[in-house]
Amino acid sequence: MKNKLSIIIVLMFTTVSLTLSQAKIGFVDSEVILKQLPEALEVQKKMEEIQKVYIDTVNTKETEIKTKADAYKTKYEDAQKQAEAGKLNQDQLKAIQNELALMEDEIRKLSGELDEYKQKIQQDLLKMQQEMFKPVREKINKAIEALAKELKYNMILDKYSDVVLYGDKELDLTFKVLDKLK
């Protein structure tokens, strides 16, 4: 039984080795293609413009929170000095404590809303990027498929996605794909 299993495993490895030795495999660097393809550069520029709007909004909200936090700190320090100097009665002290509690709650609420907004932005931007790049990726994939058929390649791998650990420069089809796209 053990000998049969060993024979089967050896036959499988031999078959796989023979098949791979006959296969014609190439790779492309999709990052290079995306950096040189005008459509991809245009999409990237649009994404940067959209991101700038979001970043400006985040910066505005962060400034608002910082301003409120500074006002809270100033109010707290002023109240503490007045309390230490004995200038506040119990009613005044209680009113200031209530006001500080409201300010603190507002700062916490704004910070929480900002965190939620940032998470939503990240999700929205990722979704937008995927949608905007979809036609570009389809164009690239069609060019790769056409080139693979034309040059009789069995497989084209993407160097950028870390699928290729080593790639012989002679197998790199990146610039041929770019030529095909132009």
C-alpha atoms as a PDB file:
ATOM      1  CA  MET A   1       0.000   0.000   0.000  1.00  0.00           C
ATOM      2  CA  LYS A   2       2.814   2.378   0.937  1.00  0.00           C
ATOM      3  CA  ASN A   3       4.672   1.546  -2.304  1.00  0.00           C
ATOM      4  CA  LYS A   4       1.551   2.248  -4.407  1.00  0.00           C
ATOM      5  CA  LEU A   5       1.153   5.658  -2.745  1.00  0.00           C
ATOM      6  CA  SER A   6       4.816   6.480  -3.367  1.00  0.00           C
ATOM      7  CA  ILE A   7       4.520   5.495  -7.017  1.00  0.00           C
ATOM      8  CA  ILE A   8       1.375   7.611  -7.440  1.00  0.00           C
ATOM      9  CA  ILE A   9       3.086  10.650  -5.852  1.00  0.00           C
ATOM     10  CA  VAL A  10       6.185  10.226  -8.063  1.00  0.00           C
ATOM     11  CA  LEU A  11       3.970   9.939 -11.167  1.00  0.00           C
ATOM     12  CA  MET A  12       2.042  13.072 -10.167  1.00  0.00           C
ATOM     13  CA  PHE A  13       5.243  15.116  -9.675  1.00  0.00           C
ATOM     14  CA  THR A  14       6.654  13.821 -12.957  1.00  0.00           C
ATOM     15  CA  THR A  15       3.463  14.788 -14.817  1.00  0.00           C
ATOM     16  CA  VAL A  16       3.378  18.238 -13.229  1.00  0.00           C
ATOM     17  CA  SER A  17       7.087  18.787 -13.958  1.00  0.00           C
ATOM     18  CA  LEU A  18       6.682  17.776 -17.610  1.00  0.00           C
ATOM     19  CA  THR A  19       3.625  19.991 -18.001  1.00  0.00           C
ATOM     20  CA  LEU A  20       5.347  23.007 -16.446  1.00  0.00           C
ATOM     21  CA  SER A  21       8.502  22.519 -18.496  1.00  0.00           C
ATOM     22  CA  GLN A  22       6.406  22.744 -21.674  1.00  0.00           C
ATOM     23  CA  ALA A  23       4.390  25.755 -20.501  1.00  0.00           C
ATOM     24  CA  LYS A  24       5.287  29.218 -21.714  1.00  0.00           C
ATOM     25  CA  ILE A  25       4.967  31.614 -18.809  1.00  0.00           C
ATOM     26  CA  GLY A  26       5.446  35.376 -18.743  1.00  0.00           C
ATOM     27  CA  PHE A  27       4.807  38.177 -16.324  1.00  0.00           C
ATOM     28  CA  VAL A  28       3.906  41.835 -16.324  1.00  0.00           C
ATOM     29  CA  ASP A  29       4.404  44.566 -13.773  1.00  0.00           C
ATOM     30  CA  SER A  30       0.912  46.044 -13.473  1.00  0.00           C
ATOM     31  CA  GLU A  31       2.266  48.927 -11.396  1.00  0.00           C
ATOM     32  CA  VAL A  32       4.459  50.057 -14.316  1.00  0.00           C
ATOM     33  CA  ILE A  33       1.509  49.777 -16.693  1.00  0.00           C
ATOM     34  CA  LEU A  34      -0.759  51.791 -14.375  1.00  0.00           C
ATOM     35  CA  LYS A  35       1.887  54.504 -13.995  1.00  0.00           C
ATOM     36  CA  GLN A  36       2.225  54.898 -17.773  1.00  0.00           C
ATOM     37  CA  LEU A  37      -1.318  54.369 -19.032  1.00  0.00           C
ATOM     38  CA  PRO A  38      -3.042  57.762 -19.585  1.00  0.00           C
ATOM     39  CA  GLU A  39      -6.467  56.462 -18.511  1.00  0.00           C
ATOM     40  CA  ALA A  40      -5.022  55.190 -15.231  1.00  0.00           C
ATOM     41  CA  LEU A  41      -3.226  58.481 -14.600  1.00  0.00           C
ATOM     42  CA  GLU A  42      -6.478  60.353 -15.230  1.00  0.00           C
ATOM     43  CA  VAL A  43      -8.359  58.151 -12.760  1.00  0.00           C
ATOM     44  CA  GLN A  44      -5.579  58.631 -10.200  1.00  0.00           C
ATOM     45  CA  LYS A  45      -5.786  62.416 -10.635  1.00  0.00           C
ATOM     46  CA  LYS A  46      -9.584  62.337 -10.107  1.00  0.00           C
ATOM     47  CA  MET A  47      -9.114  60.196  -6.999  1.00  0.00           C
ATOM     48  CA  GLU A  48      -6.597  62.678  -5.598  1.00  0.00           C
ATOM     49  CA  GLU A  49      -9.052  65.545  -6.183  1.00  0.00           C
ATOM     50  CA  ILE A  50     -11.817  63.653  -4.378  1.00  0.00           C
ATOM     51  CA  GLN A  51      -9.458  62.760  -1.520  1.00  0.00           C
ATOM     52  CA  LYS A  52      -8.480  66.416  -1.156  1.00  0.00           C
ATOM     53  CA  VAL A  53     -12.115  67.382  -0.521  1.00  0.00           C
ATOM     54  CA  TYR A  54     -12.388  64.718   2.161  1.00  0.00           C
ATOM     55  CA  ILE A  55      -9.056  65.703   3.714  1.00  0.00           C
ATOM     56  CA  ASP A  56     -10.123  69.354   3.838  1.00  0.00           C
ATOM     57  CA  THR A  57     -13.338  68.347   5.613  1.00  0.00           C
ATOM     58  CA  VAL A  58     -11.410  66.216   8.117  1.00  0.00           C
ATOM     59  CA  ASN A  59      -8.974  69.058   8.768  1.00  0.00           C
ATOM     60  CA  THR A  60     -11.861  71.473   9.358  1.00  0.00           C
ATOM     61  CA  LYS A  61     -13.497  69.081  11.827  1.00  0.00           C
ATOM     62  CA  GLU A  62     -10.185  68.439  13.596  1.00  0.00           C
ATOM     63  CA  THR A  63      -9.627  72.199  13.935  1.00  0.00           C
ATOM     64  CA  GLU A  64     -13.120  72.594  15.396  1.00  0.00           C
ATOM     65  CA  ILE A  65     -12.445  69.854  17.950  1.00  0.00           C
ATOM     66  CA  LYS A  66      -9.067  71.352  18.857  1.00  0.00           C
ATOM     67  CA  THR A  67     -10.636  74.789  19.313  1.00  0.00           C
ATOM     68  CA  LYS A  68     -13.317  73.348  21.600  1.00  0.00           C
ATOM     69  CA  ALA A  69     -10.716  71.327  23.519  1.00  0.00           C
ATOM     70  CA  ASP A  70      -8.594  74.450  24.009  1.00  0.00           C
ATOM     71  CA  ALA A  71     -11.671  76.381  25.209  1.00  0.00           C
ATOM     72  CA  TYR A  72     -12.436  73.535  27.628  1.00  0.00           C
ATOM     73  CA  LYS A  73      -8.879  73.541  28.953  1.00  0.00           C
ATOM     74  CA  THR A  74      -8.887  77.317  29.424  1.00  0.00           C
ATOM     75  CA  LYS A  75     -12.283  77.237  31.173  1.00  0.00           C
ATOM     76  CA  TYR A  76     -11.139  74.362  33.402  1.00  0.00           C
ATOM     77  CA  GLU A  77      -7.862  76.051  34.385  1.00  0.00           C
ATOM     78  CA  ASP A  78      -9.640  79.365  35.036  1.00  0.00           C
ATOM     79  CA  ALA A  79     -12.268  77.668  37.195  1.00  0.00           C
ATOM     80  CA  GLN A  80      -9.574  75.795  39.093  1.00  0.00           C
ATOM     81  CA  LYS A  81      -7.702  79.035  39.843  1.00  0.00           C
ATOM     82  CA  GLN A  82     -10.885  80.768  40.979  1.00  0.00           C
ATOM     83  CA  ALA A  83     -11.844  77.803  43.170  1.00  0.00           C
ATOM     84  CA  GLU A  84      -8.384  77.706  44.776  1.00  0.00           C
ATOM     85  CA  ALA A  85      -8.597  81.457  45.431  1.00  0.00           C
ATOM     86  CA  GLY A  86     -11.997  80.953  47.067  1.00  0.00           C
ATOM     87  CA  LYS A  87     -13.776  83.251  44.617  1.00  0.00           C
ATOM     88  CA  LEU A  88     -16.544  80.752  43.788  1.00  0.00           C
ATOM     89  CA  ASN A  89     -19.493  79.755  45.920  1.00  0.00           C
ATOM     90  CA  GLN A  90     -21.077  76.295  45.715  1.00  0.00           C
ATOM     91  CA  ASP A  91     -23.707  77.330  43.140  1.00  0.00           C
ATOM     92  CA  GLN A  92     -21.100  78.937  40.874  1.00  0.00           C
ATOM     93  CA  LEU A  93     -18.826  75.925  41.212  1.00  0.00           C
ATOM     94  CA  LYS A  94     -21.679  73.560  40.367  1.00  0.00           C
ATOM     95  CA  ALA A  95     -22.662  75.696  37.324  1.00  0.00           C
ATOM     96  CA  ILE A  96     -19.071  75.660  36.046  1.00  0.00           C
ATOM     97  CA  GLN A  97     -18.818  71.879  36.564  1.00  0.00           C
ATOM     98  CA  ASN A  98     -22.029  71.382  34.576  1.00  0.00           C
ATOM     99  CA  GLU A  99     -20.762  73.652  31.805  1.00  0.00           C
ATOM    100  CA  LEU A 100     -17.446  71.764  31.686  1.00  0.00           C
ATOM    101  CA  ALA A 101     -19.280  68.429  31.572  1.00  0.00           C
ATOM    102  CA  LEU A 102     -21.360  69.656  28.620  1.00  0.00           C
ATOM    103  CA  MET A 103     -18.224  70.885  26.835  1.00  0.00           C
ATOM    104  CA  GLU A 104     -16.497  67.548  27.459  1.00  0.00           C
ATOM    105  CA  ASP A 105     -19.510  65.615  26.145  1.00  0.00           C
ATOM    106  CA  GLU A 106     -19.595  67.778  23.023  1.00  0.00           C
ATOM    107  CA  ILE A 107     -15.869  67.206  22.380  1.00  0.00           C
ATOM    108  CA  ARG A 108     -16.309  63.441  22.839  1.00  0.00           C
ATOM    109  CA  LYS A 109     -19.320  63.441  20.522  1.00  0.00           C
ATOM    110  CA  LEU A 110     -17.478  65.420  17.830  1.00  0.00           C
ATOM    111  CA  SER A 111     -14.434  63.128  18.119  1.00  0.00           C
ATOM    112  CA  GLY A 112     -16.635  60.051  17.749  1.00  0.00           C
ATOM    113  CA  GLU A 113     -18.391  61.541  14.734  1.00  0.00           C
ATOM    114  CA  LEU A 114     -15.017  62.377  13.181  1.00  0.00           C
ATOM    115  CA  ASP A 115     -13.782  58.803  13.682  1.00  0.00           C
ATOM    116  CA  GLU A 116     -16.948  57.441  12.048  1.00  0.00           C
ATOM    117  CA  TYR A 117     -16.575  59.932   9.197  1.00  0.00           C
ATOM    118  CA  LYS A 118     -12.951  58.856   8.606  1.00  0.00           C
ATOM    119  CA  GLN A 119     -13.967  55.182   8.477  1.00  0.00           C
ATOM    120  CA  LYS A 120     -16.799  55.962   6.068  1.00  0.00           C
ATOM    121  CA  ILE A 121     -14.425  57.997   3.892  1.00  0.00           C
ATOM    122  CA  GLN A 122     -11.952  55.115   3.683  1.00  0.00           C
ATOM    123  CA  GLN A 123     -14.699  52.716   2.633  1.00  0.00           C
ATOM    124  CA  ASP A 124     -16.184  55.182   0.137  1.00  0.00           C
ATOM    125  CA  LEU A 125     -12.803  56.001  -1.398  1.00  0.00           C
ATOM    126  CA  LEU A 126     -11.907  52.337  -1.766  1.00  0.00           C
ATOM    127  CA  LYS A 127     -15.254  51.628  -3.437  1.00  0.00           C
ATOM    128  CA  MET A 128     -14.878  54.651  -5.749  1.00  0.00           C
ATOM    129  CA  GLN A 129     -11.334  53.641  -6.656  1.00  0.00           C
ATOM    130  CA  GLN A 130     -12.429  50.118  -7.548  1.00  0.00           C
ATOM    131  CA  GLU A 131     -15.301  51.435  -9.679  1.00  0.00           C
ATOM    132  CA  MET A 132     -13.202  54.071 -11.431  1.00  0.00           C
ATOM    133  CA  PHE A 133     -10.319  51.680 -12.176  1.00  0.00           C
ATOM    134  CA  LYS A 134     -12.582  48.855 -13.388  1.00  0.00           C
ATOM    135  CA  PRO A 135     -12.609  49.952 -17.076  1.00  0.00           C
ATOM    136  CA  VAL A 136      -8.837  50.502 -16.975  1.00  0.00           C
ATOM    137  CA  ARG A 137      -8.227  47.049 -15.530  1.00  0.00           C
ATOM    138  CA  GLU A 138     -10.550  45.483 -18.118  1.00  0.00           C
ATOM    139  CA  LYS A 139      -8.606  47.212 -20.910  1.00  0.00           C
ATOM    140  CA  ILE A 140      -5.302  45.997 -19.496  1.00  0.00           C
ATOM    141  CA  ASN A 141      -6.624  42.434 -19.075  1.00  0.00           C
ATOM    142  CA  LYS A 142      -7.883  42.373 -22.676  1.00  0.00           C
ATOM    143  CA  ALA A 143      -4.475  43.553 -23.924  1.00  0.00           C
ATOM    144  CA  ILE A 144      -2.712  40.919 -21.819  1.00  0.00           C
ATOM    145  CA  GLU A 145      -5.051  38.206 -23.079  1.00  0.00           C
ATOM    146  CA  ALA A 146      -4.566  39.266 -26.713  1.00  0.00           C
ATOM    147  CA  LEU A 147      -0.798  39.397 -26.304  1.00  0.00           C
ATOM    148  CA  ALA A 148      -0.723  36.008 -24.561  1.00  0.00           C
ATOM    149  CA  LYS A 149      -2.675  34.444 -27.423  1.00  0.00           C
ATOM    150  CA  GLU A 150      -0.557  36.192 -30.052  1.00  0.00           C
ATOM    151  CA  LEU A 151       2.751  35.098 -28.470  1.00  0.00           C
ATOM    152  CA  LYS A 152       1.364  31.687 -27.423  1.00  0.00           C
ATOM    153  CA  TYR A 153       1.935  32.131 -23.686  1.00  0.00           C
ATOM    154  CA  ASN A 154       0.227  29.665 -21.387  1.00  0.00           C
ATOM    155  CA  MET A 155       0.277  31.935 -18.393  1.00  0.00           C
ATOM    156  CA  ILE A 156       0.980  35.594 -17.603  1.00  0.00           C
ATOM    157  CA  LEU A 157       1.602  36.479 -13.987  1.00  0.00           C
ATOM    158  CA  ASP A 158       1.463  39.859 -12.272  1.00  0.00           C
ATOM    159  CA  LYS A 159       4.769  40.760 -10.693  1.00  0.00           C
ATOM    160  CA  TYR A 160       3.196  43.588  -8.647  1.00  0.00           C
ATOM    161  CA  SER A 161       0.794  41.366  -6.756  1.00  0.00           C
ATOM    162  CA  ASP A 162       3.681  39.355  -5.276  1.00  0.00           C
ATOM    163  CA  VAL A 163       2.701  36.232  -7.179  1.00  0.00           C
ATOM    164  CA  VAL A 164       6.113  36.076  -8.863  1.00  0.00           C
ATOM    165  CA  LEU A 165       9.023  35.549  -6.560  1.00  0.00           C
ATOM    166  CA  TYR A 166      11.545  35.576  -9.394  1.00  0.00           C
ATOM    167  CA  GLY A 167      11.138  36.615 -12.963  1.00  0.00           C
ATOM    168  CA  ASP A 168      13.612  36.344 -15.790  1.00  0.00           C
ATOM    169  CA  LYS A 169      13.766  39.715 -17.593  1.00  0.00           C
ATOM    170  CA  GLU A 170      13.251  37.913 -20.907  1.00  0.00           C
ATOM    171  CA  LEU A 171       9.801  36.852 -19.736  1.00  0.00           C
ATOM    172  CA  ASP A 172       8.737  40.393 -18.746  1.00  0.00           C
ATOM    173  CA  LEU A 173       5.958  41.469 -21.110  1.00  0.00           C
ATOM    174  CA  THR A 174       5.215  44.812 -19.410  1.00  0.00           C
ATOM    175  CA  PHE A 175       6.441  47.048 -22.225  1.00  0.00           C
ATOM    176  CA  LYS A 176       4.947  44.818 -24.916  1.00  0.00           C
ATOM    177  CA  VAL A 177       1.564  45.209 -23.177  1.00  0.00           C
ATOM    178  CA  LEU A 178       2.114  48.973 -23.103  1.00  0.00           C
ATOM    179  CA  ASP A 179       2.904  48.892 -26.827  1.00  0.00           C
ATOM    180  CA  LYS A 180      -0.247  46.876 -27.428  1.00  0.00           C
ATOM    181  CA  LEU A 181      -2.297  49.417 -25.470  1.00  0.00           C
ATOM    182  CA  LYS A 182      -0.865  52.304 -27.505  1.00  0.00           C
END
